[in-house]
Structure formats: structure tokens, C-alpha cells
């Protein structure tokens, strides 16, 4: 699965920007504050105004907040995943794919490692890749979760390539690209967005160790 690197502490204008209302002539306009926060859960909410005490402590001042989705503009909701994504920027149409017939092979494992290597290091991915390596040597019996992870990452790589993104490249709009290709890949294999379908319990538990 993977994800992009965490937003810088300095913020990113793709996330949330606050500024004072220009219409309020009686209030001093400060430098806009830019912060990275989780995406708003309230669908359709794009901006709002809240009031806070002013610097002098003698009154209140309005703050105008604009919400911006780091996943970019979407035009569809996945039938199986339930995730919003942009079908025009997902690396091609949804296909009818079957993870059950997958055979874990050296070439495929190398593709998985190549693809997840572009993302921020994630312990859950490391655990799953280690499992794939052990499956290749016969140390471990392949599970359905291993097959789903294996086929998902390879198919996601194909979608990145279809978008013209080099294998070792992290695009500037990495969150948007990842969301679109990840969601489309879930749809390819008719999977929900439940992470337990792609990661065994021990890999998910590894997240808590860091």
C-alpha cells in the first residue's frame, strides 16, 4: 500500500490555509497560517468561519478557514472499496482481475520491492516483503493475504507506469496519485479498503513498534 512522506512541519498549501476575512476592516490581517491536518470528514464542507479572542484580549476576531483535499479532485466512488478517486487519473480503466490465481515469483517480488521502495519506509510493508521472500525459499506457506498484497502492489506499479511515473520517482502530487491508483487497484480485484485484506496481523502490529 504505502503512502507519501509525512507533511513538513512547515506545512503545505495543499492542506489547510487560514486567513482573516478581508471584509473586516477593523481587524489587523496577519500572515496566513498553513498547517497539515487530517482531511475533513464532513463531505461537502469547503470552508467555514470561526471566532477567537483577539491578541489584545478585548474582543474577538473572525478566522476564515479553507479546506483542501490532498487527494485532489475526485469523480467517482469505488463500488468495492468505497473510496473516492479520479477515474481519469488512475492509470487506466478498472479491469477484472483475480488475486486467487497468483503465484509468488522472484520477478514479481522484485516489482513489489521496487514499487513500495518509492514510499516513506513503512514497517508493515517490510514485514509483508519479508514474508514474500520466505515464501520464495519455501520457509513459509503462502496465505490469501500474501497473494492480495503481492498482486495489489504489482498492479499498482502498472498503474503508476501507465501514468508515466518513473519507478523510483515520487510525484509532487503523491497523495493524489497514490489515492487514485490504490483505489483503482482495489476495484480491479474487487476488494474493500480494509487493510487486513492486504496485511497480516503481525505486519499491522509492527506499526505500533515505531
N, C-alpha and C. Protein backbone atom coordinates (compact mmCIF):
# COMPACT_ATOMS: atom_id res chain seq x y z
N UNK A 1 0.84 -1.19 0.00
CA UNK A 1 0.00 0.00 0.00
C UNK A 1 0.87 1.24 0.00
N UNK A 2 1.55 1.47 1.13
CA UNK A 2 2.46 2.62 1.17
C UNK A 2 1.75 3.95 1.25
N UNK A 3 2.52 4.98 1.43
CA UNK A 3 1.98 6.33 1.46
C UNK A 3 3.11 7.29 1.20
N UNK A 4 2.77 8.55 0.99
CA UNK A 4 3.80 9.55 0.76
C UNK A 4 4.45 9.93 2.08
N UNK A 5 5.54 10.67 2.00
CA UNK A 5 6.21 11.14 3.21
C UNK A 5 5.29 12.07 3.98
N UNK A 6 5.44 12.08 5.28
CA UNK A 6 4.61 12.95 6.13
C UNK A 6 4.84 14.41 5.78
N UNK A 7 3.78 15.22 5.84
CA UNK A 7 3.93 16.64 5.53
C UNK A 7 4.95 17.32 6.42
N UNK A 8 5.65 18.27 5.86
CA UNK A 8 6.64 19.02 6.62
C UNK A 8 5.98 19.80 7.74
N UNK A 9 6.72 20.01 8.82
CA UNK A 9 6.19 20.78 9.94
C UNK A 9 5.89 22.22 9.54
N UNK A 10 6.52 22.64 8.45
CA UNK A 10 6.31 23.99 7.96
C UNK A 10 4.99 24.13 7.22
N UNK A 11 4.38 22.96 6.92
CA UNK A 11 3.07 22.99 6.28
C UNK A 11 3.18 22.92 4.78
N UNK A 12 2.02 22.82 4.13
CA UNK A 12 1.92 22.70 2.69
C UNK A 12 0.60 23.31 2.28
N UNK A 13 0.62 24.17 1.27
CA UNK A 13 -0.60 24.87 0.91
C UNK A 13 -1.64 23.96 0.26
N UNK A 14 -1.34 22.67 0.15
CA UNK A 14 -2.33 21.73 -0.37
C UNK A 14 -3.31 21.31 0.72
N UNK A 15 -3.02 21.65 1.95
CA UNK A 15 -3.84 21.16 3.03
C UNK A 15 -4.81 22.22 3.54
N UNK A 16 -4.52 22.86 4.63
CA UNK A 16 -5.48 23.80 5.20
C UNK A 16 -4.84 25.17 5.37
N UNK A 17 -5.49 26.17 4.87
CA UNK A 17 -4.98 27.53 4.95
C UNK A 17 -5.97 28.40 5.70
N UNK A 18 -5.49 29.22 6.62
CA UNK A 18 -6.36 30.13 7.35
C UNK A 18 -5.92 31.55 7.11
N UNK A 19 -6.86 32.44 7.09
CA UNK A 19 -6.56 33.86 6.90
C UNK A 19 -7.76 34.63 7.42
N UNK A 20 -7.53 35.88 7.76
CA UNK A 20 -8.62 36.69 8.27
C UNK A 20 -9.48 37.21 7.13
N UNK A 21 -10.74 37.44 7.42
CA UNK A 21 -11.66 37.97 6.43
C UNK A 21 -11.22 39.35 5.98
N UNK A 22 -11.10 39.53 4.68
CA UNK A 22 -10.68 40.81 4.16
C UNK A 22 -11.75 41.87 4.37
N UNK A 23 -12.99 41.44 4.52
CA UNK A 23 -14.08 42.40 4.68
C UNK A 23 -14.06 43.09 6.04
N UNK A 24 -13.36 42.51 6.98
CA UNK A 24 -13.37 43.07 8.34
C UNK A 24 -12.28 44.14 8.45
N UNK A 25 -12.62 45.35 8.18
CA UNK A 25 -11.65 46.44 8.15
C UNK A 25 -11.07 46.77 9.52
N UNK A 26 -11.78 46.42 10.57
CA UNK A 26 -11.34 46.79 11.91
C UNK A 26 -10.33 45.82 12.51
N UNK A 27 -9.98 44.79 11.73
CA UNK A 27 -9.08 43.78 12.28
C UNK A 27 -7.78 43.76 11.49
N UNK A 28 -6.69 43.56 12.22
CA UNK A 28 -5.36 43.51 11.62
C UNK A 28 -5.17 42.17 10.90
N UNK A 29 -4.71 42.20 9.66
CA UNK A 29 -4.51 40.98 8.88
C UNK A 29 -3.11 40.44 9.12
N UNK A 30 -3.03 39.26 9.70
CA UNK A 30 -1.74 38.63 9.98
C UNK A 30 -1.33 37.73 8.82
N UNK A 31 -0.10 37.21 8.89
CA UNK A 31 0.38 36.28 7.88
C UNK A 31 -0.44 35.00 7.93
N UNK A 32 -0.88 34.47 6.76
CA UNK A 32 -1.69 33.24 6.75
C UNK A 32 -0.96 32.11 7.47
N UNK A 33 -1.71 31.32 8.22
CA UNK A 33 -1.16 30.17 8.92
C UNK A 33 -1.48 28.92 8.11
N UNK A 34 -0.45 28.13 7.79
CA UNK A 34 -0.63 26.93 6.99
C UNK A 34 -0.28 25.72 7.84
N UNK A 35 -1.20 24.79 7.94
CA UNK A 35 -0.96 23.60 8.75
C UNK A 35 -1.39 22.36 7.99
N UNK A 36 -0.83 21.20 8.37
CA UNK A 36 -1.23 19.92 7.78
C UNK A 36 -2.09 19.18 8.79
N UNK A 37 -3.29 18.88 8.43
CA UNK A 37 -4.20 18.19 9.35
C UNK A 37 -4.94 17.10 8.58
N UNK A 38 -5.61 16.17 9.29
CA UNK A 38 -6.39 15.15 8.60
C UNK A 38 -7.48 15.78 7.73
N UNK A 39 -7.88 15.05 6.71
CA UNK A 39 -8.93 15.53 5.82
C UNK A 39 -10.24 15.61 6.58
N UNK A 40 -11.01 16.65 6.31
CA UNK A 40 -12.28 16.81 6.99
C UNK A 40 -13.22 15.66 6.66
N UNK A 41 -13.93 15.15 7.67
CA UNK A 41 -14.86 14.06 7.46
C UNK A 41 -16.22 14.55 6.98
N UNK A 42 -16.44 15.84 7.05
CA UNK A 42 -17.74 16.39 6.68
C UNK A 42 -17.76 16.60 5.17
N UNK A 43 -18.47 15.73 4.46
CA UNK A 43 -18.50 15.81 3.00
C UNK A 43 -19.18 17.09 2.56
N UNK A 44 -18.60 17.74 1.56
CA UNK A 44 -19.19 18.94 1.00
C UNK A 44 -18.74 20.21 1.69
N UNK A 45 -18.13 20.10 2.87
CA UNK A 45 -17.67 21.30 3.58
C UNK A 45 -16.35 21.77 2.97
N UNK A 46 -16.33 22.99 2.44
CA UNK A 46 -15.14 23.52 1.80
C UNK A 46 -14.50 24.66 2.56
N UNK A 47 -15.30 25.41 3.30
CA UNK A 47 -14.74 26.49 4.11
C UNK A 47 -15.70 26.82 5.23
N UNK A 48 -15.18 27.55 6.22
CA UNK A 48 -16.03 27.99 7.32
C UNK A 48 -15.33 29.13 8.05
N UNK A 49 -16.05 29.77 8.96
CA UNK A 49 -15.53 30.88 9.75
C UNK A 49 -15.69 30.55 11.23
N UNK A 50 -14.67 30.79 11.98
CA UNK A 50 -14.82 30.68 13.43
C UNK A 50 -14.25 31.93 14.09
N UNK A 51 -14.67 32.18 15.31
CA UNK A 51 -14.25 33.40 16.03
C UNK A 51 -13.38 33.01 17.21
N UNK A 52 -12.35 33.84 17.45
CA UNK A 52 -11.44 33.59 18.56
C UNK A 52 -11.08 34.92 19.22
N UNK A 53 -10.60 34.86 20.46
CA UNK A 53 -10.21 36.11 21.14
C UNK A 53 -9.09 36.81 20.39
N UNK A 54 -9.13 38.12 20.32
CA UNK A 54 -8.07 38.84 19.62
C UNK A 54 -6.82 38.95 20.50
N UNK A 55 -5.73 39.41 19.89
CA UNK A 55 -4.45 39.47 20.60
C UNK A 55 -4.49 40.38 21.81
N UNK A 56 -5.30 41.43 21.74
CA UNK A 56 -5.37 42.40 22.85
C UNK A 56 -6.22 41.88 23.99
N UNK A 57 -7.01 40.84 23.71
CA UNK A 57 -7.86 40.29 24.76
C UNK A 57 -9.08 41.15 25.06
N UNK A 58 -9.39 42.05 24.14
CA UNK A 58 -10.52 42.96 24.38
C UNK A 58 -11.74 42.63 23.53
N UNK A 59 -11.61 41.64 22.69
CA UNK A 59 -12.72 41.29 21.80
C UNK A 59 -12.46 40.00 21.08
N UNK A 60 -13.13 39.82 19.96
CA UNK A 60 -12.94 38.60 19.16
C UNK A 60 -12.62 38.99 17.72
N UNK A 61 -12.08 38.04 16.98
CA UNK A 61 -11.76 38.27 15.59
C UNK A 61 -12.16 37.04 14.77
N UNK A 62 -12.60 37.23 13.53
CA UNK A 62 -13.01 36.10 12.68
C UNK A 62 -11.81 35.48 11.97
N UNK A 63 -11.83 34.17 11.82
CA UNK A 63 -10.80 33.46 11.08
C UNK A 63 -11.48 32.65 9.98
N UNK A 64 -11.05 32.86 8.76
CA UNK A 64 -11.62 32.17 7.61
C UNK A 64 -10.77 30.95 7.29
N UNK A 65 -11.36 29.76 7.28
CA UNK A 65 -10.65 28.51 7.05
C UNK A 65 -11.11 27.88 5.75
N UNK A 66 -10.15 27.54 4.89
CA UNK A 66 -10.43 26.88 3.62
C UNK A 66 -9.87 25.46 3.68
N UNK A 67 -10.71 24.48 3.43
CA UNK A 67 -10.30 23.08 3.45
C UNK A 67 -9.94 22.63 2.04
N UNK A 68 -8.83 21.93 1.91
CA UNK A 68 -8.40 21.43 0.61
C UNK A 68 -8.00 19.97 0.74
N UNK A 69 -8.54 19.11 -0.11
CA UNK A 69 -8.29 17.68 -0.05
C UNK A 69 -6.96 17.33 -0.71
N UNK A 70 -6.01 16.75 0.01
CA UNK A 70 -4.71 16.40 -0.59
C UNK A 70 -4.83 15.32 -1.66
N UNK A 71 -5.99 14.66 -1.72
CA UNK A 71 -6.21 13.64 -2.74
C UNK A 71 -6.71 14.23 -4.05
N UNK A 72 -6.87 15.54 -4.08
CA UNK A 72 -7.25 16.20 -5.31
C UNK A 72 -8.72 16.02 -5.65
N UNK A 73 -9.06 16.42 -6.86
CA UNK A 73 -10.45 16.33 -7.32
C UNK A 73 -10.81 14.88 -7.65
N UNK A 74 -11.96 14.44 -7.19
CA UNK A 74 -12.42 13.08 -7.47
C UNK A 74 -13.70 13.12 -8.29
N UNK A 75 -13.96 12.04 -9.01
CA UNK A 75 -15.18 12.00 -9.83
C UNK A 75 -15.95 10.70 -9.70
N UNK A 76 -15.52 9.83 -8.76
CA UNK A 76 -16.22 8.56 -8.59
C UNK A 76 -15.94 7.99 -7.21
N UNK A 77 -16.80 7.07 -6.80
CA UNK A 77 -16.61 6.33 -5.56
C UNK A 77 -16.53 4.85 -5.90
N UNK A 78 -15.50 4.19 -5.43
CA UNK A 78 -15.30 2.79 -5.75
C UNK A 78 -16.44 1.91 -5.28
N UNK A 79 -16.90 1.02 -6.13
CA UNK A 79 -18.00 0.12 -5.81
C UNK A 79 -17.65 -0.81 -4.67
N UNK A 80 -16.42 -1.31 -4.66
CA UNK A 80 -15.99 -2.27 -3.65
C UNK A 80 -15.21 -1.63 -2.51
N UNK A 81 -14.37 -0.66 -2.84
CA UNK A 81 -13.53 -0.03 -1.82
C UNK A 81 -14.27 1.05 -1.03
N UNK A 82 -15.25 1.68 -1.68
CA UNK A 82 -15.96 2.78 -1.03
C UNK A 82 -15.14 4.05 -0.95
N UNK A 83 -14.01 4.09 -1.65
CA UNK A 83 -13.13 5.25 -1.62
C UNK A 83 -13.41 6.18 -2.80
N UNK A 84 -13.28 7.48 -2.56
CA UNK A 84 -13.41 8.46 -3.62
C UNK A 84 -12.09 8.56 -4.38
N UNK A 85 -12.18 8.62 -5.72
CA UNK A 85 -10.96 8.75 -6.52
C UNK A 85 -11.31 9.33 -7.89
N UNK A 86 -10.28 9.60 -8.68
CA UNK A 86 -10.48 10.17 -10.01
C UNK A 86 -10.17 9.10 -11.05
N UNK A 87 -11.20 8.65 -11.76
CA UNK A 87 -11.03 7.57 -12.72
C UNK A 87 -10.16 7.98 -13.91
N UNK A 88 -10.08 9.27 -14.16
CA UNK A 88 -9.30 9.77 -15.29
C UNK A 88 -7.81 9.86 -14.98
N UNK A 89 -7.46 9.71 -13.70
CA UNK A 89 -6.07 9.86 -13.29
C UNK A 89 -5.58 8.64 -12.51
N UNK A 90 -6.16 7.48 -12.85
CA UNK A 90 -5.84 6.26 -12.10
C UNK A 90 -4.98 5.28 -12.88
N UNK A 91 -4.53 5.68 -14.07
CA UNK A 91 -3.68 4.79 -14.85
C UNK A 91 -4.44 3.77 -15.66
N UNK A 92 -5.65 4.12 -16.08
CA UNK A 92 -6.42 3.21 -16.93
C UNK A 92 -7.71 2.76 -16.28
N UNK A 93 -8.58 2.14 -17.07
CA UNK A 93 -9.89 1.68 -16.58
C UNK A 93 -9.77 0.51 -15.61
N UNK A 94 -10.83 0.25 -14.87
CA UNK A 94 -10.87 -0.89 -13.96
C UNK A 94 -10.91 -2.18 -14.77
N UNK A 95 -10.15 -3.17 -14.33
CA UNK A 95 -10.12 -4.47 -15.00
C UNK A 95 -10.67 -5.57 -14.09
N UNK A 96 -10.99 -6.69 -14.70
CA UNK A 96 -11.48 -7.86 -13.96
C UNK A 96 -10.28 -8.74 -13.63
N UNK A 97 -9.70 -8.58 -12.44
CA UNK A 97 -8.51 -9.34 -12.06
C UNK A 97 -8.81 -10.27 -10.89
N UNK A 98 -8.03 -11.33 -10.78
CA UNK A 98 -8.24 -12.34 -9.73
C UNK A 98 -6.94 -12.60 -8.99
N UNK A 99 -6.89 -12.23 -7.73
CA UNK A 99 -5.69 -12.44 -6.94
C UNK A 99 -5.50 -13.90 -6.55
N UNK A 100 -6.57 -14.69 -6.59
CA UNK A 100 -6.52 -16.08 -6.12
C UNK A 100 -5.60 -16.95 -6.95
N UNK A 101 -5.41 -16.60 -8.21
CA UNK A 101 -4.59 -17.43 -9.09
C UNK A 101 -3.11 -17.05 -9.08
N UNK A 102 -2.74 -16.10 -8.24
CA UNK A 102 -1.37 -15.59 -8.24
C UNK A 102 -0.36 -16.63 -7.76
N UNK A 103 0.80 -16.64 -8.41
CA UNK A 103 1.92 -17.46 -8.00
C UNK A 103 3.05 -16.50 -7.60
N UNK A 104 3.58 -16.69 -6.41
CA UNK A 104 4.64 -15.81 -5.92
C UNK A 104 5.94 -16.17 -6.63
N UNK A 105 6.49 -15.23 -7.41
CA UNK A 105 7.70 -15.47 -8.18
C UNK A 105 8.72 -14.37 -7.92
N UNK A 106 10.00 -14.70 -8.23
CA UNK A 106 11.09 -13.76 -7.97
C UNK A 106 10.86 -12.42 -8.68
N UNK A 107 10.50 -12.48 -9.93
CA UNK A 107 10.29 -11.26 -10.70
C UNK A 107 9.19 -10.40 -10.07
N UNK A 108 8.13 -11.04 -9.62
CA UNK A 108 7.03 -10.30 -9.01
C UNK A 108 7.43 -9.67 -7.69
N UNK A 109 8.17 -10.41 -6.86
CA UNK A 109 8.61 -9.87 -5.57
C UNK A 109 9.52 -8.67 -5.79
N UNK A 110 10.37 -8.75 -6.81
CA UNK A 110 11.25 -7.62 -7.11
C UNK A 110 10.44 -6.40 -7.53
N UNK A 111 9.35 -6.61 -8.23
CA UNK A 111 8.48 -5.50 -8.62
C UNK A 111 7.81 -4.88 -7.39
N UNK A 112 7.39 -5.73 -6.46
CA UNK A 112 6.78 -5.24 -5.22
C UNK A 112 7.78 -4.37 -4.47
N UNK A 113 9.00 -4.84 -4.33
CA UNK A 113 10.04 -4.10 -3.61
C UNK A 113 10.37 -2.80 -4.33
N UNK A 114 10.38 -2.83 -5.64
CA UNK A 114 10.67 -1.63 -6.42
C UNK A 114 9.59 -0.58 -6.19
N UNK A 115 8.33 -1.02 -6.20
CA UNK A 115 7.22 -0.08 -6.06
C UNK A 115 7.14 0.53 -4.66
N UNK A 116 7.11 -0.31 -3.63
CA UNK A 116 6.97 0.22 -2.27
C UNK A 116 8.21 0.99 -1.85
N UNK A 117 9.32 0.76 -2.53
CA UNK A 117 10.55 1.47 -2.19
C UNK A 117 10.48 2.95 -2.44
N UNK A 118 9.52 3.38 -3.26
CA UNK A 118 9.40 4.81 -3.55
C UNK A 118 8.71 5.56 -2.41
N UNK A 119 8.00 4.83 -1.56
CA UNK A 119 7.25 5.47 -0.48
C UNK A 119 8.09 5.62 0.78
N UNK A 120 7.54 6.38 1.70
CA UNK A 120 8.17 6.50 3.02
C UNK A 120 8.26 5.12 3.64
N UNK A 121 9.37 4.81 4.28
CA UNK A 121 9.57 3.47 4.85
C UNK A 121 8.44 3.14 5.82
N UNK A 122 7.85 1.98 5.63
CA UNK A 122 6.73 1.55 6.47
C UNK A 122 7.00 0.14 6.99
N UNK A 123 6.99 -0.06 8.31
CA UNK A 123 7.29 -1.39 8.87
C UNK A 123 6.33 -2.47 8.40
N UNK A 124 5.06 -2.11 8.14
CA UNK A 124 4.11 -3.12 7.70
C UNK A 124 4.46 -3.66 6.31
N UNK A 125 4.99 -2.78 5.45
CA UNK A 125 5.43 -3.25 4.13
C UNK A 125 6.66 -4.14 4.26
N UNK A 126 7.56 -3.79 5.15
CA UNK A 126 8.78 -4.58 5.36
C UNK A 126 8.42 -6.00 5.81
N UNK A 127 7.44 -6.11 6.68
CA UNK A 127 7.02 -7.44 7.16
C UNK A 127 6.44 -8.26 6.02
N UNK A 128 5.61 -7.63 5.20
CA UNK A 128 4.99 -8.36 4.10
C UNK A 128 6.02 -8.78 3.05
N UNK A 129 6.99 -7.93 2.78
CA UNK A 129 8.03 -8.28 1.81
C UNK A 129 8.90 -9.41 2.35
N UNK A 130 9.16 -9.39 3.64
CA UNK A 130 9.93 -10.47 4.26
C UNK A 130 9.18 -11.79 4.13
N UNK A 131 7.87 -11.73 4.27
CA UNK A 131 7.05 -12.94 4.11
C UNK A 131 7.16 -13.47 2.67
N UNK A 132 7.12 -12.56 1.70
CA UNK A 132 7.23 -12.98 0.31
C UNK A 132 8.57 -13.65 0.03
N UNK A 133 9.63 -13.11 0.62
CA UNK A 133 10.95 -13.70 0.44
C UNK A 133 10.99 -15.11 1.04
N UNK A 134 10.37 -15.30 2.18
CA UNK A 134 10.35 -16.62 2.83
C UNK A 134 9.47 -17.60 2.05
N UNK A 135 8.44 -17.09 1.41
CA UNK A 135 7.58 -17.94 0.57
C UNK A 135 8.39 -18.45 -0.62
N UNK A 136 9.23 -17.59 -1.19
CA UNK A 136 10.07 -17.99 -2.33
C UNK A 136 11.03 -19.12 -1.96
N UNK A 137 11.55 -19.08 -0.73
CA UNK A 137 12.53 -20.09 -0.30
C UNK A 137 11.86 -21.31 0.32
N UNK A 138 10.54 -21.28 0.43
CA UNK A 138 9.83 -22.42 1.00
C UNK A 138 9.75 -22.41 2.51
N UNK A 139 10.21 -21.33 3.13
CA UNK A 139 10.17 -21.25 4.60
C UNK A 139 8.77 -20.95 5.12
N UNK A 140 7.93 -20.43 4.26
CA UNK A 140 6.59 -20.00 4.69
C UNK A 140 5.57 -20.40 3.64
N UNK A 141 4.41 -20.84 4.12
CA UNK A 141 3.31 -21.18 3.23
C UNK A 141 2.55 -19.90 2.86
N UNK A 142 2.28 -19.73 1.58
CA UNK A 142 1.60 -18.53 1.12
C UNK A 142 0.16 -18.49 1.64
N UNK A 143 -0.29 -17.33 2.06
CA UNK A 143 -1.66 -17.14 2.53
C UNK A 143 -2.42 -16.26 1.53
N UNK A 144 -3.72 -16.19 1.70
CA UNK A 144 -4.53 -15.32 0.84
C UNK A 144 -4.10 -13.87 0.98
N UNK A 145 -3.74 -13.47 2.19
CA UNK A 145 -3.30 -12.09 2.43
C UNK A 145 -2.02 -11.79 1.66
N UNK A 146 -1.11 -12.76 1.64
CA UNK A 146 0.14 -12.59 0.89
C UNK A 146 -0.16 -12.40 -0.59
N UNK A 147 -1.08 -13.20 -1.12
CA UNK A 147 -1.44 -13.10 -2.53
C UNK A 147 -2.07 -11.74 -2.85
N UNK A 148 -2.93 -11.28 -1.95
CA UNK A 148 -3.59 -10.00 -2.19
C UNK A 148 -2.59 -8.85 -2.15
N UNK A 149 -1.68 -8.87 -1.17
CA UNK A 149 -0.66 -7.83 -1.08
C UNK A 149 0.22 -7.85 -2.33
N UNK A 150 0.68 -9.03 -2.71
CA UNK A 150 1.57 -9.23 -3.85
C UNK A 150 0.93 -8.70 -5.14
N UNK A 151 -0.28 -9.13 -5.42
CA UNK A 151 -0.94 -8.71 -6.66
C UNK A 151 -1.32 -7.24 -6.63
N UNK A 152 -1.67 -6.74 -5.46
CA UNK A 152 -2.05 -5.33 -5.34
C UNK A 152 -0.88 -4.42 -5.67
N UNK A 153 0.28 -4.69 -5.09
CA UNK A 153 1.43 -3.82 -5.31
C UNK A 153 1.94 -3.89 -6.76
N UNK A 154 1.88 -5.06 -7.36
CA UNK A 154 2.31 -5.18 -8.75
C UNK A 154 1.36 -4.42 -9.67
N UNK A 155 0.07 -4.57 -9.43
CA UNK A 155 -0.92 -3.88 -10.25
C UNK A 155 -0.84 -2.36 -10.04
N UNK A 156 -0.60 -1.94 -8.82
CA UNK A 156 -0.46 -0.51 -8.53
C UNK A 156 0.76 0.05 -9.27
N UNK A 157 1.83 -0.73 -9.32
CA UNK A 157 3.03 -0.33 -10.07
C UNK A 157 2.68 -0.14 -11.55
N UNK A 158 1.90 -1.04 -12.09
CA UNK A 158 1.50 -0.94 -13.50
C UNK A 158 0.72 0.36 -13.74
N UNK A 159 -0.12 0.72 -12.81
CA UNK A 159 -0.90 1.95 -12.95
C UNK A 159 0.01 3.19 -12.86
N UNK A 160 0.99 3.16 -11.98
CA UNK A 160 1.96 4.27 -11.91
C UNK A 160 2.68 4.41 -13.25
N UNK A 161 3.10 3.30 -13.80
CA UNK A 161 3.82 3.33 -15.08
C UNK A 161 2.91 3.85 -16.20
N UNK A 162 1.64 3.45 -16.17
CA UNK A 162 0.69 3.91 -17.18
C UNK A 162 0.50 5.43 -17.13
N UNK A 163 0.73 5.99 -15.95
CA UNK A 163 0.63 7.45 -15.78
C UNK A 163 1.93 8.14 -16.19
N UNK A 164 2.93 7.36 -16.56
CA UNK A 164 4.20 7.94 -16.98
C UNK A 164 5.13 8.27 -15.84
N UNK A 165 4.89 7.68 -14.67
CA UNK A 165 5.70 7.97 -13.49
C UNK A 165 6.84 6.95 -13.41
N UNK A 166 8.07 7.43 -13.38
CA UNK A 166 9.24 6.55 -13.31
C UNK A 166 9.21 5.73 -12.03
N UNK A 167 9.81 4.54 -12.08
CA UNK A 167 9.73 3.60 -10.96
C UNK A 167 10.27 4.14 -9.64
N UNK A 168 11.30 4.95 -9.68
CA UNK A 168 11.89 5.43 -8.43
C UNK A 168 11.44 6.86 -8.10
N UNK A 169 10.45 7.35 -8.82
CA UNK A 169 10.03 8.74 -8.66
C UNK A 169 8.83 8.87 -7.73
N UNK A 170 8.87 9.90 -6.89
CA UNK A 170 7.72 10.27 -6.07
C UNK A 170 7.16 11.57 -6.65
N UNK A 171 6.00 11.53 -7.28
CA UNK A 171 5.45 12.75 -7.90
C UNK A 171 5.11 13.81 -6.87
N UNK A 172 5.09 15.06 -7.30
CA UNK A 172 4.78 16.16 -6.39
C UNK A 172 3.39 15.99 -5.78
N UNK A 173 2.46 15.51 -6.57
CA UNK A 173 1.10 15.28 -6.07
C UNK A 173 0.95 13.83 -5.63
N UNK A 174 1.91 13.38 -4.81
CA UNK A 174 2.00 11.97 -4.47
C UNK A 174 0.75 11.42 -3.77
N UNK A 175 0.11 12.23 -2.93
CA UNK A 175 -1.08 11.76 -2.23
C UNK A 175 -2.20 11.49 -3.22
N UNK A 176 -2.36 12.40 -4.18
CA UNK A 176 -3.39 12.26 -5.20
C UNK A 176 -3.15 11.04 -6.07
N UNK A 177 -1.91 10.88 -6.54
CA UNK A 177 -1.58 9.74 -7.39
C UNK A 177 -1.78 8.43 -6.65
N UNK A 178 -1.29 8.38 -5.42
CA UNK A 178 -1.44 7.15 -4.64
C UNK A 178 -2.91 6.82 -4.42
N UNK A 179 -3.72 7.78 -4.04
CA UNK A 179 -5.13 7.51 -3.79
C UNK A 179 -5.83 6.98 -5.04
N UNK A 180 -5.57 7.60 -6.17
CA UNK A 180 -6.24 7.19 -7.41
C UNK A 180 -5.82 5.79 -7.84
N UNK A 181 -4.52 5.51 -7.81
CA UNK A 181 -4.04 4.20 -8.25
C UNK A 181 -4.36 3.11 -7.24
N UNK A 182 -4.25 3.44 -5.96
CA UNK A 182 -4.55 2.47 -4.91
C UNK A 182 -6.02 2.08 -4.95
N UNK A 183 -6.89 3.06 -5.05
CA UNK A 183 -8.32 2.78 -5.08
C UNK A 183 -8.70 1.99 -6.33
N UNK A 184 -8.17 2.39 -7.48
CA UNK A 184 -8.47 1.67 -8.72
C UNK A 184 -7.99 0.22 -8.64
N UNK A 185 -6.85 0.00 -7.99
CA UNK A 185 -6.33 -1.36 -7.85
C UNK A 185 -7.22 -2.20 -6.95
N UNK A 186 -7.74 -1.61 -5.88
CA UNK A 186 -8.70 -2.32 -5.04
C UNK A 186 -9.91 -2.72 -5.87
N UNK A 187 -10.35 -1.81 -6.73
CA UNK A 187 -11.51 -2.11 -7.59
C UNK A 187 -11.18 -3.21 -8.60
N UNK A 188 -9.95 -3.23 -9.12
CA UNK A 188 -9.53 -4.28 -10.06
C UNK A 188 -9.76 -5.67 -9.46
N UNK A 189 -9.44 -5.79 -8.18
CA UNK A 189 -9.52 -7.09 -7.51
C UNK A 189 -10.79 -7.25 -6.66
N UNK A 190 -11.71 -6.26 -6.77
CA UNK A 190 -12.98 -6.30 -6.04
C UNK A 190 -12.76 -6.42 -4.53
N UNK A 191 -11.88 -5.57 -4.00
CA UNK A 191 -11.56 -5.60 -2.58
C UNK A 191 -12.07 -4.33 -1.88
N UNK A 192 -12.41 -4.48 -0.62
CA UNK A 192 -12.78 -3.32 0.19
C UNK A 192 -11.50 -2.62 0.63
N UNK A 193 -11.64 -1.53 1.35
CA UNK A 193 -10.47 -0.78 1.81
C UNK A 193 -9.96 -1.26 3.16
N UNK A 194 -10.45 -2.40 3.63
CA UNK A 194 -10.00 -2.97 4.90
C UNK A 194 -8.54 -3.38 4.77
N UNK A 195 -7.67 -2.74 5.54
CA UNK A 195 -6.23 -3.02 5.42
C UNK A 195 -5.87 -4.45 5.79
N UNK A 196 -6.73 -5.13 6.53
CA UNK A 196 -6.45 -6.51 6.91
C UNK A 196 -6.50 -7.46 5.71
N UNK A 197 -7.06 -6.99 4.60
CA UNK A 197 -7.06 -7.81 3.38
C UNK A 197 -5.69 -7.85 2.73
N UNK A 198 -4.88 -6.83 2.98
CA UNK A 198 -3.56 -6.73 2.37
C UNK A 198 -2.41 -6.98 3.34
N UNK A 199 -2.69 -6.92 4.64
CA UNK A 199 -1.64 -7.04 5.64
C UNK A 199 -2.02 -8.05 6.72
N UNK A 200 -1.11 -8.96 7.03
CA UNK A 200 -1.34 -9.93 8.10
C UNK A 200 -1.27 -9.19 9.44
N UNK A 201 -1.87 -9.75 10.49
CA UNK A 201 -1.88 -9.07 11.80
C UNK A 201 -0.50 -8.65 12.29
N UNK A 202 0.50 -9.50 12.10
CA UNK A 202 1.84 -9.16 12.61
C UNK A 202 2.41 -7.93 11.92
N UNK A 203 2.06 -7.73 10.64
CA UNK A 203 2.57 -6.55 9.93
C UNK A 203 1.87 -5.28 10.43
N UNK A 204 0.57 -5.39 10.72
CA UNK A 204 -0.16 -4.23 11.24
C UNK A 204 0.30 -3.90 12.65
N UNK A 205 0.59 -4.93 13.43
CA UNK A 205 1.08 -4.70 14.79
C UNK A 205 2.45 -4.06 14.80
N UNK A 206 3.22 -4.27 13.73
CA UNK A 206 4.57 -3.71 13.66
C UNK A 206 4.54 -2.19 13.62
N UNK A 207 3.41 -1.62 13.20
CA UNK A 207 3.30 -0.17 13.14
C UNK A 207 3.42 0.45 14.53
N UNK A 208 2.97 -0.29 15.54
CA UNK A 208 2.97 0.24 16.91
C UNK A 208 4.35 0.21 17.55
N UNK A 209 5.32 -0.42 16.88
CA UNK A 209 6.66 -0.51 17.45
C UNK A 209 7.51 0.69 17.08
N UNK A 210 6.97 1.56 16.21
CA UNK A 210 7.77 2.70 15.73
C UNK A 210 7.08 4.00 16.06
